[in-house]
Amino acid sequence: MENQNKFLMFLNSRLLVGLGIVLASFIGAYTFYQIRSFDNTLTVTGSTTKQVTSDHVKWVGVINRVVKASTLKQGYADMARDLVDVKDFLKSKNIPDNQVITSPVFMDQNWDNNQSAEKSYTLRQTIEINSSDVNMVAEVAKNTGPLIDKGVIFSTQSLEFTYTKLPEERVAMLGDAVKDAKARAGSLANASGKKIGQLKSASSGVVQVMSANSTDVSDYGSYDTSKIEKNIMMTVKASFTLK
């Protein structure tokens, strides 16, 4: 009886080992099949860059005056004269009235720890200039000294350079990005002794609009408006068959 039990235990262990070998072989074969299936597709990222010159500028300037409560009426009159001076200055620089947008005069109360002091207010008015003459406006924005000489408290709030043909450029650049992806895929395939076949799918990535010579990119895309000269970079993720 004891010998029979030992024989059964030996037989069971051999069966378990055998089943393990068969199962391992099956898993290995299945894994090999999966790897071979995935090898039939190669996915790469292609990119292309183009340098462009901004064709639109938005210049926002601000007129400010600080006045006491007792001189508030005079302050508004002074702001009106300031606006006339600013418009005359812009016109002298060949910026026409139809490119100038003015806001109403806003008033903010200035807080003073001295409760007995007379209340004072800051009056401010924004002037927005939109133009396609980018270089001219940029130059005017850097030389507003004549306004200061007249007593106008004028400052630049923002100066933004943009490229209005970006949608058209994206379409044109998409083909170049796919070509770059195909070239990269071809190099990778040749290194493994294969060749690339048809394009299976392609999806464009985010567009980066950067200052010329900049490498400042973002996962969500970027649009730098601080410089006139820009680089547009577009990426595409493409999948090719292998043969």
Protein backbone atom coordinates (compact mmCIF):
# COMPACT_ATOMS: atom_id res chain seq x y z
CA MET A 1 0.00 0.00 0.00
CA GLU A 2 2.78 2.41 0.91
CA ASN A 3 4.57 1.73 -2.37
CA GLN A 4 1.33 2.33 -4.28
CA ASN A 5 0.80 5.70 -2.60
CA LYS A 6 4.35 6.75 -3.44
CA PHE A 7 3.79 5.73 -7.03
CA LEU A 8 0.58 7.81 -7.23
CA MET A 9 2.32 10.85 -5.72
CA PHE A 10 5.15 10.48 -8.24
CA LEU A 11 2.63 10.13 -11.09
CA ASN A 12 0.70 13.24 -10.00
CA SER A 13 3.86 15.30 -9.74
CA ARG A 14 4.88 14.22 -13.23
CA LEU A 15 1.44 15.14 -14.54
CA LEU A 16 1.65 18.58 -12.92
CA VAL A 17 5.08 19.17 -14.41
CA GLY A 18 3.82 18.05 -17.80
CA LEU A 19 0.80 20.33 -17.63
CA GLY A 20 3.05 23.18 -16.58
CA ILE A 21 5.30 22.66 -19.59
CA VAL A 22 2.31 22.51 -21.95
CA LEU A 23 0.77 25.66 -20.41
CA ALA A 24 4.07 27.52 -20.56
CA SER A 25 4.48 26.51 -24.19
CA PHE A 26 0.97 27.75 -24.98
CA ILE A 27 1.56 31.08 -23.26
CA GLY A 28 4.89 31.47 -25.00
CA ALA A 29 3.37 30.71 -28.40
CA TYR A 30 0.50 33.17 -27.77
CA THR A 31 2.93 35.87 -26.66
CA PHE A 32 5.04 35.29 -29.75
CA TYR A 33 1.94 35.59 -31.93
CA GLN A 34 0.99 38.88 -30.24
CA ILE A 35 4.43 40.32 -30.67
CA ARG A 36 4.48 39.30 -34.30
CA SER A 37 1.07 40.98 -34.77
CA PHE A 38 2.17 44.23 -33.22
CA ASP A 39 5.35 44.18 -35.30
CA ASN A 40 3.24 44.73 -38.41
CA THR A 41 2.67 48.38 -37.42
CA LEU A 42 5.21 51.08 -36.71
CA THR A 43 4.12 54.35 -35.07
CA VAL A 44 6.37 57.41 -35.16
CA THR A 45 6.12 61.15 -34.61
CA GLY A 46 7.03 63.55 -37.39
CA SER A 47 7.44 67.30 -37.19
CA THR A 48 8.02 70.36 -39.34
CA THR A 49 8.93 73.97 -38.58
CA LYS A 50 8.37 77.15 -40.53
CA GLN A 51 9.53 80.69 -39.79
CA VAL A 52 6.95 83.44 -40.32
CA THR A 53 6.68 87.16 -39.69
CA SER A 54 3.77 88.51 -37.66
CA ASP A 55 1.26 90.38 -39.83
CA HIS A 56 -0.89 91.93 -37.08
CA VAL A 57 -0.15 93.94 -33.96
CA LYS A 58 -2.38 94.94 -31.06
CA TRP A 59 -1.02 97.77 -28.94
CA VAL A 60 -2.88 98.69 -25.76
CA GLY A 61 -1.88 101.87 -23.96
CA VAL A 62 -3.27 103.47 -20.82
CA ILE A 63 -3.78 107.10 -19.75
CA ASN A 64 -3.76 107.64 -15.98
CA ARG A 65 -4.45 110.55 -13.68
CA VAL A 66 -4.66 110.63 -9.87
CA VAL A 67 -7.06 113.31 -8.60
CA LYS A 68 -8.54 114.41 -5.30
CA ALA A 69 -12.25 114.26 -4.69
CA SER A 70 -12.43 118.06 -4.79
CA THR A 71 -10.80 118.16 -8.25
CA LEU A 72 -12.61 115.20 -9.78
CA LYS A 73 -14.43 117.32 -12.35
CA GLN A 74 -11.17 118.93 -13.43
CA GLY A 75 -9.59 115.49 -13.59
CA TYR A 76 -12.14 114.31 -16.15
CA ALA A 77 -11.52 117.44 -18.22
CA ASP A 78 -7.77 116.77 -18.10
CA MET A 79 -8.36 113.17 -19.22
CA ALA A 80 -10.32 114.44 -22.22
CA ARG A 81 -7.42 116.69 -23.22
CA ASP A 82 -4.99 113.82 -22.68
CA LEU A 83 -6.99 111.68 -25.10
CA VAL A 84 -6.88 114.42 -27.73
CA ASP A 85 -3.10 114.63 -27.32
CA VAL A 86 -2.74 110.87 -27.68
CA LYS A 87 -4.88 110.75 -30.83
CA ASP A 88 -2.96 113.67 -32.33
CA PHE A 89 0.30 111.89 -31.53
CA LEU A 90 -0.89 108.68 -33.18
CA LYS A 91 -2.13 110.54 -36.23
CA SER A 92 1.25 112.26 -36.57
CA LYS A 93 2.76 108.76 -36.67
CA ASN A 94 0.45 107.72 -39.54
CA ILE A 95 -1.90 105.66 -37.35
CA PRO A 96 -5.42 106.51 -38.58
CA ASP A 97 -8.46 106.98 -36.32
CA ASN A 98 -10.17 103.85 -37.67
CA GLN A 99 -7.39 101.74 -36.11
CA VAL A 100 -7.86 103.30 -32.66
CA ILE A 101 -10.40 102.08 -30.09
CA THR A 102 -10.88 104.00 -26.86
CA SER A 103 -12.57 102.78 -23.69
CA PRO A 104 -14.66 104.87 -21.28
CA VAL A 105 -12.85 106.50 -18.39
CA PHE A 106 -12.74 104.17 -15.38
CA MET A 107 -12.38 105.43 -11.83
CA ASP A 108 -10.85 103.54 -8.90
CA GLN A 109 -10.78 104.84 -5.35
CA ASN A 110 -7.34 104.92 -3.72
CA TRP A 111 -7.34 103.77 -0.12
CA ASP A 112 -5.38 105.66 2.52
CA ASN A 113 -4.72 104.60 6.10
CA ASN A 114 -5.17 108.21 7.10
CA GLN A 115 -8.93 108.35 7.54
CA SER A 116 -8.93 112.16 7.75
CA ALA A 117 -7.18 112.57 4.39
CA GLU A 118 -9.20 113.72 1.41
CA LYS A 119 -10.26 110.83 -0.83
CA SER A 120 -8.33 110.39 -4.04
CA TYR A 121 -9.15 108.51 -7.23
CA THR A 122 -7.26 107.07 -10.18
CA LEU A 123 -8.80 107.80 -13.55
CA ARG A 124 -7.71 105.52 -16.38
CA GLN A 125 -8.59 105.09 -20.03
CA THR A 126 -7.26 102.48 -22.44
CA ILE A 127 -6.42 103.10 -26.07
CA GLU A 128 -6.20 100.04 -28.34
CA ILE A 129 -4.51 100.12 -31.73
CA ASN A 130 -4.91 97.27 -34.23
CA SER A 131 -2.80 97.40 -37.35
CA SER A 132 -1.18 95.31 -40.05
CA ASP A 133 1.79 97.69 -40.17
CA VAL A 134 3.61 95.73 -37.50
CA ASN A 135 7.05 97.33 -37.61
CA MET A 136 5.73 100.88 -37.68
CA VAL A 137 3.47 100.41 -34.65
CA ALA A 138 6.22 98.60 -32.75
CA GLU A 139 8.53 101.53 -33.35
CA VAL A 140 5.90 104.10 -32.24
CA ALA A 141 5.23 102.10 -29.07
CA LYS A 142 8.91 102.40 -28.13
CA ASN A 143 8.96 106.18 -28.57
CA THR A 144 6.11 107.78 -26.63
CA GLY A 145 8.34 110.40 -25.01
CA PRO A 146 6.55 113.34 -26.71
CA LEU A 147 3.38 112.45 -24.79
CA ILE A 148 5.23 112.48 -21.47
CA ASP A 149 6.72 115.84 -22.43
CA LYS A 150 3.17 117.19 -22.74
CA GLY A 151 2.27 115.98 -19.27
CA VAL A 152 0.25 112.97 -20.45
CA ILE A 153 0.78 109.99 -18.15
CA PHE A 154 0.71 107.32 -20.87
CA SER A 155 2.11 103.79 -20.63
CA THR A 156 2.01 100.62 -22.70
CA GLN A 157 -0.10 97.90 -21.15
CA SER A 158 0.52 95.24 -23.81
CA LEU A 159 2.04 94.83 -27.27
CA GLU A 160 0.99 91.61 -29.02
CA PHE A 161 2.25 90.34 -32.37
CA THR A 162 0.20 87.63 -34.10
CA TYR A 163 0.12 85.76 -37.41
CA THR A 164 -3.33 85.69 -38.97
CA LYS A 165 -2.61 83.00 -41.57
CA LEU A 166 -1.97 80.25 -39.01
CA PRO A 167 -5.01 78.09 -40.02
CA GLU A 168 -3.82 77.97 -43.64
CA GLU A 169 -0.25 77.22 -42.56
CA ARG A 170 -1.44 74.29 -40.44
CA VAL A 171 -3.01 72.62 -43.48
CA ALA A 172 0.09 73.15 -45.60
CA MET A 173 2.46 71.97 -42.88
CA LEU A 174 0.51 68.79 -42.12
CA GLY A 175 1.76 67.12 -45.30
CA ASP A 176 5.36 68.03 -44.49
CA ALA A 177 5.03 66.58 -40.99
CA VAL A 178 3.70 63.30 -42.44
CA LYS A 179 6.65 63.18 -44.86
CA ASP A 180 9.03 63.62 -41.93
CA ALA A 181 7.26 60.83 -40.03
CA LYS A 182 7.53 58.54 -43.08
CA ALA A 183 11.26 59.23 -43.37
CA ARG A 184 11.78 58.42 -39.69
CA ALA A 185 9.70 55.26 -39.97
CA GLY A 186 11.73 54.20 -43.02
CA SER A 187 15.01 54.57 -41.12
CA LEU A 188 13.71 52.53 -38.19
CA ALA A 189 12.31 49.83 -40.46
CA ASN A 190 15.53 49.52 -42.48
CA ALA A 191 17.49 49.06 -39.26
CA SER A 192 15.41 45.98 -38.51
CA GLY A 193 15.56 44.61 -42.03
CA LYS A 194 12.03 45.60 -42.99
CA LYS A 195 10.30 48.18 -45.15
CA ILE A 196 7.35 50.43 -44.44
CA GLY A 197 4.10 50.02 -46.30
CA GLN A 198 0.97 52.11 -46.39
CA LEU A 199 0.02 54.86 -43.96
CA LYS A 200 -2.60 53.39 -41.64
CA SER A 201 -3.47 56.45 -39.55
CA ALA A 202 -2.28 59.95 -38.73
CA SER A 203 -3.28 62.48 -36.08
CA SER A 204 -1.93 66.00 -35.72
CA GLY A 205 -0.55 67.18 -32.41
CA VAL A 206 -0.69 70.61 -30.82
CA VAL A 207 0.71 73.60 -32.69
CA GLN A 208 3.57 75.55 -31.16
CA VAL A 209 4.00 79.20 -32.16
CA MET A 210 7.30 80.29 -30.65
CA SER A 211 9.65 83.21 -30.88
CA ALA A 212 12.35 82.65 -33.47
CA ASN A 213 15.19 80.47 -32.08
CA SER A 214 13.10 79.55 -29.04
CA THR A 215 12.65 75.98 -27.79
CA ASP A 216 9.95 76.80 -25.26
CA VAL A 217 7.19 74.28 -26.03
CA SER A 218 4.16 73.10 -24.08
CA ASP A 219 2.22 69.85 -23.97
CA TYR A 220 -0.93 71.87 -24.58
CA GLY A 221 0.48 74.05 -27.34
CA SER A 222 1.88 77.56 -27.09
CA TYR A 223 1.47 80.93 -28.77
CA ASP A 224 4.12 83.53 -28.06
CA THR A 225 3.01 87.08 -28.92
CA SER A 226 6.05 88.96 -27.63
CA LYS A 227 8.17 88.88 -30.82
CA ILE A 228 7.54 89.77 -34.45
CA GLU A 229 9.53 86.86 -35.91
CA LYS A 230 8.06 83.46 -35.03
CA ASN A 231 8.55 79.76 -35.64
CA ILE A 232 5.52 77.54 -36.19
CA MET A 233 6.14 73.92 -35.23
CA MET A 234 3.63 71.18 -36.00
CA THR A 235 3.79 67.50 -35.08
CA VAL A 236 1.91 64.47 -36.35
CA LYS A 237 1.66 60.93 -35.00
CA ALA A 238 1.60 58.46 -37.89
CA SER A 239 1.29 54.67 -38.09
CA PHE A 240 2.65 52.65 -41.05
CA THR A 241 2.39 48.98 -41.96
CA LEU A 242 5.58 46.94 -42.07
CA LYS A 243 6.47 44.41 -44.70
